[in-house]
Amino acid sequence: MAAGIGFFMTMMIGAADKISERGVWNIFAIWVSATAGGASGVFINSFRKGMEMERRPLEHKE
Protein backbone atom coordinates (compact mmCIF):
# COMPACT_ATOMS: atom_id res chain seq x y z
CA MET A 1 0.00 0.00 0.00
CA ALA A 2 2.83 2.40 0.85
CA ALA A 3 4.42 1.68 -2.53
CA GLY A 4 1.11 2.49 -4.23
CA ILE A 5 0.88 5.83 -2.44
CA GLY A 6 4.48 6.61 -3.38
CA PHE A 7 3.75 5.79 -7.02
CA PHE A 8 0.62 7.97 -6.94
CA MET A 9 2.57 10.88 -5.44
CA THR A 10 5.26 10.46 -8.12
CA MET A 11 2.58 10.60 -10.82
CA MET A 12 1.11 13.74 -9.25
CA ILE A 13 4.53 15.41 -9.19
CA GLY A 14 5.14 14.42 -12.81
CA ALA A 15 1.69 15.71 -13.84
CA ALA A 16 2.39 19.07 -12.17
CA ASP A 17 4.37 20.13 -15.26
CA LYS A 18 1.42 19.48 -17.58
CA ILE A 19 -1.49 20.45 -15.33
CA SER A 20 -1.79 23.85 -13.68
CA GLU A 21 -0.69 23.86 -10.04
CA ARG A 22 -4.22 24.69 -8.95
CA GLY A 23 -5.62 21.73 -10.89
CA VAL A 24 -3.13 19.34 -9.32
CA TRP A 25 -4.05 20.45 -5.82
CA ASN A 26 -7.77 20.09 -6.64
CA ILE A 27 -7.15 16.48 -7.71
CA PHE A 28 -5.03 15.90 -4.61
CA ALA A 29 -7.76 17.33 -2.34
CA ILE A 30 -10.36 15.05 -3.95
CA TRP A 31 -8.06 12.03 -3.50
CA VAL A 32 -7.40 12.89 0.17
CA SER A 33 -11.11 13.37 0.89
CA ALA A 34 -11.91 10.05 -0.82
CA THR A 35 -9.23 8.31 1.26
CA ALA A 36 -10.60 9.88 4.44
CA GLY A 37 -14.04 8.67 3.38
CA GLY A 38 -12.90 5.06 3.58
CA ALA A 39 -11.92 4.44 -0.06
CA SER A 40 -8.49 3.27 1.10
CA GLY A 41 -10.10 0.67 3.38
CA VAL A 42 -12.14 -0.71 0.50
CA PHE A 43 -9.04 -0.80 -1.70
CA ILE A 44 -6.98 -2.61 0.96
CA ASN A 45 -9.70 -5.22 1.48
CA SER A 46 -10.09 -5.86 -2.25
CA PHE A 47 -6.29 -5.98 -2.62
CA ARG A 48 -5.99 -8.59 0.15
CA LYS A 49 -8.73 -10.70 -1.45
CA GLY A 50 -6.92 -10.45 -4.78
CA MET A 51 -3.66 -11.57 -3.18
CA GLU A 52 -5.42 -14.53 -1.56
CA MET A 53 -6.94 -15.53 -4.91
CA GLU A 54 -3.48 -15.41 -6.50
CA ARG A 55 -1.89 -17.52 -3.74
CA ARG A 56 -4.42 -20.37 -3.83
CA PRO A 57 -3.67 -21.58 -7.38
CA LEU A 58 0.07 -21.53 -6.59
CA GLU A 59 -0.50 -23.66 -3.50
CA HIS A 60 -2.57 -26.17 -5.48
CA LYS A 61 0.14 -26.49 -8.15
CA GLU A 62 2.71 -27.41 -5.51
PDB file of N, CA and C in Angstrom:
ATOM      1  N   MET A   1       0.838  -1.199   0.000  1.00  0.00           N
ATOM      2  CA  MET A   1       0.000   0.000   0.000  1.00  0.00           C
ATOM      3  C   MET A   1       0.873   1.249   0.000  1.00  0.00           C
ATOM      4  N   ALA A   2       1.934   1.234   0.804  1.00  0.00           N
ATOM      5  CA  ALA A   2       2.826   2.397   0.854  1.00  0.00           C
ATOM      6  C   ALA A   2       3.471   2.631  -0.507  1.00  0.00           C
ATOM      7  N   ALA A   3       3.822   1.542  -1.200  1.00  0.00           N
ATOM      8  CA  ALA A   3       4.422   1.683  -2.527  1.00  0.00           C
ATOM      9  C   ALA A   3       3.422   2.298  -3.493  1.00  0.00           C
ATOM     10  N   GLY A   4       2.145   1.914  -3.366  1.00  0.00           N
ATOM     11  CA  GLY A   4       1.113   2.489  -4.234  1.00  0.00           C
ATOM     12  C   GLY A   4       0.961   3.981  -4.009  1.00  0.00           C
ATOM     13  N   ILE A   5       0.988   4.398  -2.746  1.00  0.00           N
ATOM     14  CA  ILE A   5       0.882   5.829  -2.438  1.00  0.00           C
ATOM     15  C   ILE A   5       2.094   6.565  -3.002  1.00  0.00           C
ATOM     16  N   GLY A   6       3.271   5.982  -2.851  1.00  0.00           N
ATOM     17  CA  GLY A   6       4.483   6.612  -3.375  1.00  0.00           C
ATOM     18  C   GLY A   6       4.413   6.762  -4.887  1.00  0.00           C
ATOM     19  N   PHE A   7       3.894   5.724  -5.562  1.00  0.00           N
ATOM     20  CA  PHE A   7       3.751   5.788  -7.022  1.00  0.00           C
ATOM     21  C   PHE A   7       2.759   6.875  -7.402  1.00  0.00           C
ATOM     22  N   PHE A   8       1.642   6.953  -6.656  1.00  0.00           N
ATOM     23  CA  PHE A   8       0.622   7.968  -6.936  1.00  0.00           C
ATOM     24  C   PHE A   8       1.208   9.365  -6.765  1.00  0.00           C
ATOM     25  N   MET A   9       1.969   9.565  -5.688  1.00  0.00           N
ATOM     26  CA  MET A   9       2.566  10.876  -5.441  1.00  0.00           C
ATOM     27  C   MET A   9       3.564  11.221  -6.552  1.00  0.00           C
ATOM     28  N   THR A  10       4.314  10.228  -7.021  1.00  0.00           N
ATOM     29  CA  THR A  10       5.257  10.464  -8.118  1.00  0.00           C
ATOM     30  C   THR A  10       4.511  10.884  -9.370  1.00  0.00           C
ATOM     31  N   MET A  11       3.383  10.239  -9.646  1.00  0.00           N
ATOM     32  CA  MET A  11       2.578  10.599 -10.816  1.00  0.00           C
ATOM     33  C   MET A  11       2.057  12.026 -10.679  1.00  0.00           C
ATOM     34  N   MET A  12       1.619  12.392  -9.470  1.00  0.00           N
ATOM     35  CA  MET A  12       1.107  13.745  -9.247  1.00  0.00           C
ATOM     36  C   MET A  12       2.202  14.775  -9.487  1.00  0.00           C
ATOM     37  N   ILE A  13       3.412  14.476  -9.003  1.00  0.00           N
ATOM     38  CA  ILE A  13       4.532  15.412  -9.188  1.00  0.00           C
ATOM     39  C   ILE A  13       4.860  15.533 -10.677  1.00  0.00           C
ATOM     40  N   GLY A  14       4.853  14.400 -11.384  1.00  0.00           N
ATOM     41  CA  GLY A  14       5.139  14.425 -12.812  1.00  0.00           C
ATOM     42  C   GLY A  14       4.058  15.171 -13.592  1.00  0.00           C
ATOM     43  N   ALA A  15       2.800  15.045 -13.151  1.00  0.00           N
ATOM     44  CA  ALA A  15       1.693  15.711 -13.842  1.00  0.00           C
ATOM     45  C   ALA A  15       1.694  17.215 -13.583  1.00  0.00           C
ATOM     46  N   ALA A  16       2.390  17.647 -12.529  1.00  0.00           N
ATOM     47  CA  ALA A  16       2.391  19.072 -12.167  1.00  0.00           C
ATOM     48  C   ALA A  16       2.923  19.938 -13.315  1.00  0.00           C
ATOM     49  N   ASP A  17       3.812  19.359 -14.138  1.00  0.00           N
ATOM     50  CA  ASP A  17       4.367  20.127 -15.259  1.00  0.00           C
ATOM     51  C   ASP A  17       3.316  20.355 -16.343  1.00  0.00           C
ATOM     52  N   LYS A  18       2.402  19.397 -16.508  1.00  0.00           N
ATOM     53  CA  LYS A  18       1.416  19.481 -17.581  1.00  0.00           C
ATOM     54  C   LYS A  18       0.131  20.148 -17.118  1.00  0.00           C
ATOM     55  N   ILE A  19      -0.249  19.891 -15.873  1.00  0.00           N
ATOM     56  CA  ILE A  19      -1.494  20.452 -15.332  1.00  0.00           C
ATOM     57  C   ILE A  19      -1.151  21.689 -14.496  1.00  0.00           C
ATOM     58  N   SER A  20      -2.029  22.669 -14.502  1.00  0.00           N
ATOM     59  CA  SER A  20      -1.789  23.852 -13.678  1.00  0.00           C
ATOM     60  C   SER A  20      -1.678  23.435 -12.215  1.00  0.00           C
ATOM     61  N   GLU A  21      -0.904  24.199 -11.448  1.00  0.00           N
ATOM     62  CA  GLU A  21      -0.693  23.855 -10.044  1.00  0.00           C
ATOM     63  C   GLU A  21      -2.014  23.767  -9.304  1.00  0.00           C
ATOM     64  N   ARG A  22      -2.915  24.682  -9.606  1.00  0.00           N
ATOM     65  CA  ARG A  22      -4.223  24.691  -8.948  1.00  0.00           C
ATOM     66  C   ARG A  22      -4.988  23.410  -9.261  1.00  0.00           C
ATOM     67  N   GLY A  23      -4.922  22.954 -10.501  1.00  0.00           N
ATOM     68  CA  GLY A  23      -5.619  21.732 -10.894  1.00  0.00           C
ATOM     69  C   GLY A  23      -5.079  20.516 -10.165  1.00  0.00           C
ATOM     70  N   VAL A  24      -3.743  20.466 -10.015  1.00  0.00           N
ATOM     71  CA  VAL A  24      -3.125  19.337  -9.316  1.00  0.00           C
ATOM     72  C   VAL A  24      -3.608  19.287  -7.871  1.00  0.00           C
ATOM     73  N   TRP A  25      -3.647  20.442  -7.224  1.00  0.00           N
ATOM     74  CA  TRP A  25      -4.049  20.450  -5.821  1.00  0.00           C
ATOM     75  C   TRP A  25      -5.528  20.128  -5.675  1.00  0.00           C
ATOM     76  N   ASN A  26      -6.351  20.472  -6.675  1.00  0.00           N
ATOM     77  CA  ASN A  26      -7.769  20.090  -6.637  1.00  0.00           C
ATOM     78  C   ASN A  26      -7.893  18.571  -6.703  1.00  0.00           C
ATOM     79  N   ILE A  27      -7.128  17.946  -7.601  1.00  0.00           N
ATOM     80  CA  ILE A  27      -7.150  16.483  -7.708  1.00  0.00           C
ATOM     81  C   ILE A  27      -6.658  15.861  -6.404  1.00  0.00           C
ATOM     82  N   PHE A  28      -5.590  16.426  -5.857  1.00  0.00           N
ATOM     83  CA  PHE A  28      -5.027  15.897  -4.611  1.00  0.00           C
ATOM     84  C   PHE A  28      -6.046  16.004  -3.473  1.00  0.00           C
ATOM     85  N   ALA A  29      -6.753  17.135  -3.391  1.00  0.00           N
ATOM     86  CA  ALA A  29      -7.760  17.334  -2.340  1.00  0.00           C
ATOM     87  C   ALA A  29      -8.884  16.316  -2.475  1.00  0.00           C
ATOM     88  N   ILE A  30      -9.293  16.040  -3.724  1.00  0.00           N
ATOM     89  CA  ILE A  30     -10.357  15.049  -3.954  1.00  0.00           C
ATOM     90  C   ILE A  30      -9.870  13.674  -3.509  1.00  0.00           C
ATOM     91  N   TRP A  31      -8.612  13.336  -3.846  1.00  0.00           N
ATOM     92  CA  TRP A  31      -8.059  12.032  -3.498  1.00  0.00           C
ATOM     93  C   TRP A  31      -7.969  11.874  -1.982  1.00  0.00           C
ATOM     94  N   VAL A  32      -7.525  12.938  -1.290  1.00  0.00           N
ATOM     95  CA  VAL A  32      -7.404  12.887   0.171  1.00  0.00           C
ATOM     96  C   VAL A  32      -8.774  12.719   0.808  1.00  0.00           C
ATOM     97  N   SER A  33      -9.764  13.458   0.320  1.00  0.00           N
ATOM     98  CA  SER A  33     -11.109  13.367   0.891  1.00  0.00           C
ATOM     99  C   SER A  33     -11.697  11.977   0.644  1.00  0.00           C
ATOM    100  N   ALA A  34     -11.410  11.397  -0.523  1.00  0.00           N
ATOM    101  CA  ALA A  34     -11.906  10.052  -0.816  1.00  0.00           C
ATOM    102  C   ALA A  34     -11.252   9.033   0.106  1.00  0.00           C
ATOM    103  N   THR A  35      -9.947   9.212   0.357  1.00  0.00           N
ATOM    104  CA  THR A  35      -9.227   8.314   1.257  1.00  0.00           C
ATOM    105  C   THR A  35      -9.798   8.422   2.666  1.00  0.00           C
ATOM    106  N   ALA A  36     -10.044   9.653   3.107  1.00  0.00           N
ATOM    107  CA  ALA A  36     -10.599   9.876   4.440  1.00  0.00           C
ATOM    108  C   ALA A  36     -11.993   9.282   4.540  1.00  0.00           C
ATOM    109  N   GLY A  37     -12.690   9.219   3.400  1.00  0.00           N
ATOM    110  CA  GLY A  37     -14.041   8.669   3.379  1.00  0.00           C
ATOM    111  C   GLY A  37     -14.081   7.158   3.458  1.00  0.00           C
ATOM    112  N   GLY A  38     -12.938   6.510   3.436  1.00  0.00           N
ATOM    113  CA  GLY A  38     -12.901   5.056   3.579  1.00  0.00           C
ATOM    114  C   GLY A  38     -12.560   4.341   2.287  1.00  0.00           C
ATOM    115  N   ALA A  39     -12.258   5.085   1.215  1.00  0.00           N
ATOM    116  CA  ALA A  39     -11.925   4.441  -0.057  1.00  0.00           C
ATOM    117  C   ALA A  39     -10.676   3.579   0.092  1.00  0.00           C
ATOM    118  N   SER A  40      -9.722   4.031   0.915  1.00  0.00           N
ATOM    119  CA  SER A  40      -8.492   3.268   1.103  1.00  0.00           C
ATOM    120  C   SER A  40      -8.798   1.927   1.769  1.00  0.00           C
ATOM    121  N   GLY A  41      -9.728   1.919   2.708  1.00  0.00           N
ATOM    122  CA  GLY A  41     -10.101   0.671   3.378  1.00  0.00           C
ATOM    123  C   GLY A  41     -10.695  -0.322   2.397  1.00  0.00           C
ATOM    124  N   VAL A  42     -11.539   0.160   1.507  1.00  0.00           N
ATOM    125  CA  VAL A  42     -12.144  -0.711   0.495  1.00  0.00           C
ATOM    126  C   VAL A  42     -11.058  -1.259  -0.422  1.00  0.00           C
ATOM    127  N   PHE A  43     -10.117  -0.382  -0.803  1.00  0.00           N
ATOM    128  CA  PHE A  43      -9.036  -0.803  -1.696  1.00  0.00           C
ATOM    129  C   PHE A  43      -8.166  -1.871  -1.033  1.00  0.00           C
ATOM    130  N   ILE A  44      -7.833  -1.656   0.242  1.00  0.00           N
ATOM    131  CA  ILE A  44      -6.975  -2.605   0.956  1.00  0.00           C
ATOM    132  C   ILE A  44      -7.669  -3.961   1.052  1.00  0.00           C
ATOM    133  N   ASN A  45      -8.970  -3.955   1.371  1.00  0.00           N
ATOM    134  CA  ASN A  45      -9.702  -5.216   1.482  1.00  0.00           C
ATOM    135  C   ASN A  45      -9.745  -5.945   0.147  1.00  0.00           C
ATOM    136  N   SER A  46     -10.030  -5.229  -0.932  1.00  0.00           N
ATOM    137  CA  SER A  46     -10.087  -5.859  -2.250  1.00  0.00           C
ATOM    138  C   SER A  46      -8.705  -6.341  -2.660  1.00  0.00           C
ATOM    139  N   PHE A  47      -7.654  -5.580  -2.288  1.00  0.00           N
ATOM    140  CA  PHE A  47      -6.289  -5.977  -2.621  1.00  0.00           C
ATOM    141  C   PHE A  47      -5.925  -7.266  -1.896  1.00  0.00           C
ATOM    142  N   ARG A  48      -6.291  -7.369  -0.617  1.00  0.00           N
ATOM    143  CA  ARG A  48      -5.992  -8.586   0.149  1.00  0.00           C
ATOM    144  C   ARG A  48      -6.714  -9.783  -0.449  1.00  0.00           C
ATOM    145  N   LYS A  49      -7.977  -9.600  -0.835  1.00  0.00           N
ATOM    146  CA  LYS A  49      -8.731 -10.698  -1.447  1.00  0.00           C
ATOM    147  C   LYS A  49      -8.065 -11.116  -2.754  1.00  0.00           C
ATOM    148  N   GLY A  50      -7.598 -10.136  -3.528  1.00  0.00           N
ATOM    149  CA  GLY A  50      -6.920 -10.452  -4.780  1.00  0.00           C
ATOM    150  C   GLY A  50      -5.644 -11.233  -4.537  1.00  0.00           C
ATOM    151  N   MET A  51      -4.894 -10.867  -3.508  1.00  0.00           N
ATOM    152  CA  MET A  51      -3.662 -11.574  -3.182  1.00  0.00           C
ATOM    153  C   MET A  51      -3.970 -13.000  -2.771  1.00  0.00           C
ATOM    154  N   GLU A  52      -5.048 -13.193  -1.994  1.00  0.00           N
ATOM    155  CA  GLU A  52      -5.421 -14.534  -1.563  1.00  0.00           C
ATOM    156  C   GLU A  52      -5.814 -15.387  -2.771  1.00  0.00           C
ATOM    157  N   MET A  53      -6.528 -14.791  -3.713  1.00  0.00           N
ATOM    158  CA  MET A  53      -6.943 -15.528  -4.906  1.00  0.00           C
ATOM    159  C   MET A  53      -5.723 -15.926  -5.742  1.00  0.00           C
ATOM    160  N   GLU A  54      -4.680 -15.091  -5.743  1.00  0.00           N
ATOM    161  CA  GLU A  54      -3.476 -15.407  -6.499  1.00  0.00           C
ATOM    162  C   GLU A  54      -2.665 -16.507  -5.807  1.00  0.00           C
ATOM    163  N   ARG A  55      -2.691 -16.538  -4.470  1.00  0.00           N
ATOM    164  CA  ARG A  55      -1.888 -17.515  -3.735  1.00  0.00           C
ATOM    165  C   ARG A  55      -2.473 -18.917  -3.859  1.00  0.00           C
ATOM    166  N   ARG A  56      -3.788 -19.047  -3.841  1.00  0.00           N
ATOM    167  CA  ARG A  56      -4.425 -20.366  -3.827  1.00  0.00           C
ATOM    168  C   ARG A  56      -4.022 -21.237  -5.014  1.00  0.00           C
ATOM    169  N   PRO A  57      -4.076 -20.727  -6.258  1.00  0.00           N
ATOM    170  CA  PRO A  57      -3.670 -21.585  -7.377  1.00  0.00           C
ATOM    171  C   PRO A  57      -2.215 -22.035  -7.266  1.00  0.00           C
ATOM    172  N   LEU A  58      -1.338 -21.158  -6.738  1.00  0.00           N
ATOM    173  CA  LEU A  58       0.069 -21.530  -6.591  1.00  0.00           C
ATOM    174  C   LEU A  58       0.212 -22.668  -5.587  1.00  0.00           C
ATOM    175  N   GLU A  59      -0.576 -22.618  -4.517  1.00  0.00           N
ATOM    176  CA  GLU A  59      -0.498 -23.665  -3.501  1.00  0.00           C
ATOM    177  C   GLU A  59      -0.992 -24.991  -4.076  1.00  0.00           C
ATOM    178  N   HIS A  60      -2.030 -24.933  -4.907  1.00  0.00           N
ATOM    179  CA  HIS A  60      -2.574 -26.167  -5.480  1.00  0.00           C
ATOM    180  C   HIS A  60      -1.576 -26.788  -6.470  1.00  0.00           C
ATOM    181  N   LYS A  61      -0.844 -25.976  -7.189  1.00  0.00           N
ATOM    182  CA  LYS A  61       0.138 -26.490  -8.154  1.00  0.00           C
ATOM    183  C   LYS A  61       1.244 -27.242  -7.428  1.00  0.00           C
ATOM    184  N   GLU A  62       1.651 -26.740  -6.269  1.00  0.00           N
ATOM    185  CA  GLU A  62       2.712 -27.413  -5.510  1.00  0.00           C
ATOM    186  C   GLU A  62       2.182 -28.726  -4.951  1.00  0.00           C
TER     187      GLU A  62
END
